[in-house]
C-alpha atoms as a PDB file:
ATOM      1  CA  MET A   1     153.196  58.565 131.520  1.00  0.00           C
ATOM      2  CA  SER A   2     151.049  56.188 133.491  1.00  0.00           C
ATOM      3  CA  ALA A   3     147.589  55.110 132.418  1.00  0.00           C
ATOM      4  CA  SER A   4     145.950  57.024 135.283  1.00  0.00           C
ATOM      5  CA  ALA A   5     147.941  60.201 134.485  1.00  0.00           C
ATOM      6  CA  SER A   6     146.921  59.899 130.825  1.00  0.00           C
ATOM      7  CA  PHE A   7     143.278  59.407 131.833  1.00  0.00           C
ATOM      8  CA  THR A   8     143.409  62.469 134.140  1.00  0.00           C
ATOM      9  CA  ALA A   9     145.011  64.597 131.406  1.00  0.00           C
ATOM     10  CA  ARG A  10     142.275  63.585 128.960  1.00  0.00           C
ATOM     11  CA  ARG A  11     139.556  64.404 131.516  1.00  0.00           C
ATOM     12  CA  LEU A  12     141.084  67.842 132.166  1.00  0.00           C
ATOM     13  CA  ALA A  13     141.357  68.545 128.427  1.00  0.00           C
ATOM     14  CA  ALA A  14     137.734  67.471 127.901  1.00  0.00           C
ATOM     15  CA  ALA A  15     136.576  69.654 130.813  1.00  0.00           C
ATOM     16  CA  ALA A  16     138.462  72.638 129.380  1.00  0.00           C
ATOM     17  CA  LEU A  17     136.854  72.111 125.950  1.00  0.00           C
ATOM     18  CA  VAL A  18     133.367  71.865 127.483  1.00  0.00           C
ATOM     19  CA  ALA A  19     133.962  75.021 129.567  1.00  0.00           C
ATOM     20  CA  GLY A  20     135.174  76.895 126.473  1.00  0.00           C
ATOM     21  CA  ALA A  21     132.148  75.777 124.495  1.00  0.00           C
ATOM     22  CA  LEU A  22     129.783  76.926 127.262  1.00  0.00           C
ATOM     23  CA  VAL A  23     131.436  80.336 127.435  1.00  0.00           C
ATOM     24  CA  SER A  24     131.148  80.689 123.640  1.00  0.00           C
ATOM     25  CA  VAL A  25     127.483  79.674 123.636  1.00  0.00           C
ATOM     26  CA  ALA A  26     126.702  82.057 126.495  1.00  0.00           C
ATOM     27  CA  ALA A  27     128.384  84.964 124.696  1.00  0.00           C
ATOM     28  CA  LEU A  28     126.760  84.258 121.321  1.00  0.00           C
ATOM     29  CA  PRO A  29     123.216  85.445 122.098  1.00  0.00           C
ATOM     30  CA  ALA A  30     124.481  88.747 123.515  1.00  0.00           C
ATOM     31  CA  THR A  31     126.578  89.393 120.423  1.00  0.00           C
ATOM     32  CA  ALA A  32     123.805  88.320 118.067  1.00  0.00           C
ATOM     33  CA  ALA A  33     121.287  90.479 119.927  1.00  0.00           C
ATOM     34  CA  ASP A  34     123.499  93.539 119.409  1.00  0.00           C
ATOM     35  CA  HIS A  35     123.256  93.115 115.642  1.00  0.00           C
ATOM     36  CA  ALA A  36     119.797  91.585 115.316  1.00  0.00           C
ATOM     37  CA  ARG A  37     117.859  94.821 115.873  1.00  0.00           C
ATOM     38  CA  PRO A  38     118.583  97.508 113.272  1.00  0.00           C
ATOM     39  CA  HIS A  39     118.461 101.094 114.504  1.00  0.00           C
ATOM     40  CA  ARG A  40     115.039 102.634 113.892  1.00  0.00           C
ATOM     41  CA  ALA A  41     114.728 106.319 113.315  1.00  0.00           C
ATOM     42  CA  GLN A  42     112.650 108.163 115.897  1.00  0.00           C
ATOM     43  CA  VAL A  43     110.546 109.617 113.094  1.00  0.00           C
ATOM     44  CA  GLU A  44     110.613 108.409 109.508  1.00  0.00           C
ATOM     45  CA  ILE A  45     109.475 109.794 106.187  1.00  0.00           C
ATOM     46  CA  SER A  46     106.923 107.123 105.381  1.00  0.00           C
ATOM     47  CA  ALA A  47     105.680 108.489 102.027  1.00  0.00           C
ATOM     48  CA  VAL A  48     106.019 111.410  99.643  1.00  0.00           C
ATOM     49  CA  GLN A  49     103.427 112.378  97.059  1.00  0.00           C
ATOM     50  CA  HIS A  50     105.439 114.539  94.685  1.00  0.00           C
ATOM     51  CA  GLY A  51     103.365 116.406  92.168  1.00  0.00           C
ATOM     52  CA  SER A  52      99.638 116.563  92.308  1.00  0.00           C
ATOM     53  CA  THR A  53      97.649 113.364  91.909  1.00  0.00           C
ATOM     54  CA  GLY A  54      95.297 115.315  89.634  1.00  0.00           C
ATOM     55  CA  ARG A  55      95.758 118.147  87.186  1.00  0.00           C
ATOM     56  CA  GLU A  56      98.636 120.434  88.190  1.00  0.00           C
ATOM     57  CA  ASP A  57      96.827 123.746  87.859  1.00  0.00           C
ATOM     58  CA  HIS A  58      98.536 125.482  90.809  1.00  0.00           C
ATOM     59  CA  SER A  59      95.242 125.688  92.672  1.00  0.00           C
ATOM     60  CA  ASN A  60      95.433 125.339  96.442  1.00  0.00           C
ATOM     61  CA  ARG A  61      93.637 122.000  96.157  1.00  0.00           C
ATOM     62  CA  SER A  62      96.252 120.737  93.691  1.00  0.00           C
ATOM     63  CA  LEU A  63      99.126 122.074  95.835  1.00  0.00           C
ATOM     64  CA  ASN A  64      97.775 120.262  98.897  1.00  0.00           C
ATOM     65  CA  ARG A  65      97.783 116.933  97.081  1.00  0.00           C
ATOM     66  CA  GLU A  66     101.571 117.267  97.076  1.00  0.00           C
ATOM     67  CA  ARG A  67     102.675 116.150 100.535  1.00  0.00           C
ATOM     68  CA  ALA A  68     105.222 114.363 102.689  1.00  0.00           C
ATOM     69  CA  GLN A  69     104.093 111.927 105.360  1.00  0.00           C
ATOM     70  CA  LEU A  70     106.017 111.462 108.617  1.00  0.00           C
ATOM     71  CA  THR A  71     105.438 108.556 110.982  1.00  0.00           C
ATOM     72  CA  ASN A  72     106.430 108.068 114.623  1.00  0.00           C
ATOM     73  CA  PRO A  73     106.865 104.281 115.007  1.00  0.00           C
ATOM     74  CA  THR A  74     107.781 104.519 118.695  1.00  0.00           C
ATOM     75  CA  ARG A  75     105.603 104.222 121.793  1.00  0.00           C
ATOM     76  CA  HIS A  76     106.476 107.773 122.911  1.00  0.00           C
ATOM     77  CA  ALA A  77     105.374 111.209 121.690  1.00  0.00           C
ATOM     78  CA  ILE A  78     108.190 113.123 120.007  1.00  0.00           C
ATOM     79  CA  SER A  79     108.509 116.901 119.938  1.00  0.00           C
ATOM     80  CA  LEU A  80     109.180 118.110 116.395  1.00  0.00           C
ATOM     81  CA  ASP A  81     109.631 121.718 117.529  1.00  0.00           C
ATOM     82  CA  GLY A  82     112.396 123.197 115.370  1.00  0.00           C
ATOM     83  CA  TRP A  83     112.635 120.136 113.084  1.00  0.00           C
ATOM     84  CA  THR A  84     112.813 120.827 109.347  1.00  0.00           C
ATOM     85  CA  LEU A  85     111.669 119.122 106.177  1.00  0.00           C
ATOM     86  CA  SER A  86     113.573 120.247 103.081  1.00  0.00           C
ATOM     87  CA  ASP A  87     114.269 119.375  99.451  1.00  0.00           C
ATOM     88  CA  GLU A  88     117.430 119.530  97.319  1.00  0.00           C
ATOM     89  CA  ASP A  89     116.637 123.104  96.216  1.00  0.00           C
ATOM     90  CA  GLY A  90     116.549 124.359  99.799  1.00  0.00           C
ATOM     91  CA  HIS A  91     112.779 124.740 100.211  1.00  0.00           C
ATOM     92  CA  THR A  92     112.339 124.256 103.954  1.00  0.00           C
ATOM     93  CA  TYR A  93     109.376 123.775 106.247  1.00  0.00           C
ATOM     94  CA  THR A  94     109.964 124.171 109.997  1.00  0.00           C
ATOM     95  CA  PHE A  95     107.737 122.614 112.644  1.00  0.00           C
ATOM     96  CA  HIS A  96     106.706 124.947 115.481  1.00  0.00           C
ATOM     97  CA  HIS A  97     105.229 123.716 118.788  1.00  0.00           C
ATOM     98  CA  TYR A  98     104.232 120.310 117.458  1.00  0.00           C
ATOM     99  CA  ARG A  99     104.339 116.871 119.125  1.00  0.00           C
ATOM    100  CA  LEU A 100     103.869 113.747 117.041  1.00  0.00           C
ATOM    101  CA  ALA A 101     101.896 111.200 119.038  1.00  0.00           C
ATOM    102  CA  PRO A 102     103.153 107.621 119.424  1.00  0.00           C
ATOM    103  CA  GLN A 103     102.559 105.359 116.430  1.00  0.00           C
ATOM    104  CA  SER A 104     100.903 108.143 114.449  1.00  0.00           C
ATOM    105  CA  THR A 105     101.382 110.014 111.202  1.00  0.00           C
ATOM    106  CA  VAL A 106     101.330 113.645 110.109  1.00  0.00           C
ATOM    107  CA  ARG A 107     100.997 114.861 106.509  1.00  0.00           C
ATOM    108  CA  VAL A 108     102.841 118.042 105.500  1.00  0.00           C
ATOM    109  CA  HIS A 109     100.999 119.611 102.546  1.00  0.00           C
ATOM    110  CA  THR A 110     102.544 122.154 100.195  1.00  0.00           C
ATOM    111  CA  GLY A 111      99.588 124.558  99.889  1.00  0.00           C
ATOM    112  CA  LYS A 112      97.636 126.654 102.342  1.00  0.00           C
ATOM    113  CA  GLY A 113      95.381 125.305 105.051  1.00  0.00           C
ATOM    114  CA  ARG A 114      94.548 125.234 108.738  1.00  0.00           C
ATOM    115  CA  ASP A 115      97.026 123.140 110.719  1.00  0.00           C
ATOM    116  CA  THR A 116      95.544 120.188 112.587  1.00  0.00           C
ATOM    117  CA  HIS A 117      97.193 117.386 114.496  1.00  0.00           C
ATOM    118  CA  GLY A 118      97.260 115.121 111.429  1.00  0.00           C
ATOM    119  CA  ASP A 119      97.833 117.733 108.714  1.00  0.00           C
ATOM    120  CA  ARG A 120     100.308 120.619 108.546  1.00  0.00           C
ATOM    121  CA  TYR A 121     100.528 123.183 105.749  1.00  0.00           C
ATOM    122  CA  GLN A 122     103.558 124.939 104.259  1.00  0.00           C
ATOM    123  CA  ASN A 123     101.347 127.769 102.929  1.00  0.00           C
ATOM    124  CA  ARG A 124     103.154 127.895  99.574  1.00  0.00           C
ATOM    125  CA  ARG A 125     101.829 128.984  96.196  1.00  0.00           C
ATOM    126  CA  THR A 126     104.121 126.774  94.108  1.00  0.00           C
ATOM    127  CA  TYR A 127     105.024 123.077  94.121  1.00  0.00           C
ATOM    128  CA  VAL A 128     108.066 122.006  96.160  1.00  0.00           C
ATOM    129  CA  TRP A 129     108.936 118.421  95.293  1.00  0.00           C
ATOM    130  CA  ASP A 130     110.298 117.875  91.772  1.00  0.00           C
ATOM    131  CA  ASP A 131     108.372 115.238  89.814  1.00  0.00           C
ATOM    132  CA  ASP A 132     111.336 113.597  88.084  1.00  0.00           C
ATOM    133  CA  ARG A 133     113.832 113.450  90.966  1.00  0.00           C
ATOM    134  CA  ASP A 134     114.358 114.945  94.395  1.00  0.00           C
ATOM    135  CA  THR A 135     115.303 114.124  97.967  1.00  0.00           C
ATOM    136  CA  VAL A 136     113.249 115.073 101.008  1.00  0.00           C
ATOM    137  CA  THR A 137     115.349 115.375 104.166  1.00  0.00           C
ATOM    138  CA  LEU A 138     114.061 115.434 107.736  1.00  0.00           C
ATOM    139  CA  ARG A 139     116.382 117.078 110.276  1.00  0.00           C
ATOM    140  CA  ASP A 140     115.990 117.426 114.024  1.00  0.00           C
ATOM    141  CA  ASN A 141     116.243 120.716 115.934  1.00  0.00           C
ATOM    142  CA  ARG A 142     120.046 120.361 116.019  1.00  0.00           C
ATOM    143  CA  GLY A 143     120.320 120.003 112.241  1.00  0.00           C
ATOM    144  CA  ARG A 144     121.105 116.281 112.315  1.00  0.00           C
ATOM    145  CA  THR A 145     119.594 114.195 109.526  1.00  0.00           C
ATOM    146  CA  VAL A 146     116.905 111.900 110.919  1.00  0.00           C
ATOM    147  CA  ASP A 147     115.694 110.418 107.613  1.00  0.00           C
ATOM    148  CA  ASP A 148     115.611 111.094 103.895  1.00  0.00           C
ATOM    149  CA  TYR A 149     113.482 109.903 101.000  1.00  0.00           C
ATOM    150  CA  SER A 150     114.599 110.012  97.344  1.00  0.00           C
ATOM    151  CA  TRP A 151     113.085 109.245  93.966  1.00  0.00           C
ATOM    152  CA  GLY A 152     114.470 109.350  90.437  1.00  0.00           C
ATOM    153  CA  HIS A 153     118.032 108.753  91.674  1.00  0.00           C
ATOM    154  CA  ARG A 154     119.871 107.216  94.602  1.00  0.00           C
ATOM    155  CA  ARG A 155     121.257 109.602  97.197  1.00  0.00           C
ATOM    156  CA  GLY A 156     121.050 107.347 100.214  1.00  0.00           C
ATOM    157  CA  GLY A 157     117.274 107.502 100.549  1.00  0.00           C
ATOM    158  CA  ARG A 158     114.491 105.068  99.737  1.00  0.00           C
ATOM    159  CA  HIS A 159     112.506 104.904  96.541  1.00  0.00           C
END
């Protein structure tokens, strides 16, 4: 092989390596971007106050201290019509004709009360969430799990 043929072969090999490197670098951000953003739930259970924060005397005031808090972290209102909030024992609250505003929160209380935009009431006479362990599950109007929140054990939810 002549010196000029060897030089040309080296230049072609170098050009191929540079082109391959550029293609790899160009593809890397797209691949990394696919995995960089974790999926965010449309609505999340942001807190649960299980048991009353005061004396558990089964008064309506005590029952309403027990609550689940749902947050819409998106920039769009979300209809919760037909969505359910339930515990492991099957106690279920269903939302009717309710839209959760963007970046806002609603509290779902156990006891009786007048529904407002920020507070909903299950109108129950007994506590729902078990103090020692339970899981609260939020499902959409098709029955698909949107989020869950656990305490006292691990069943896929947060503590």
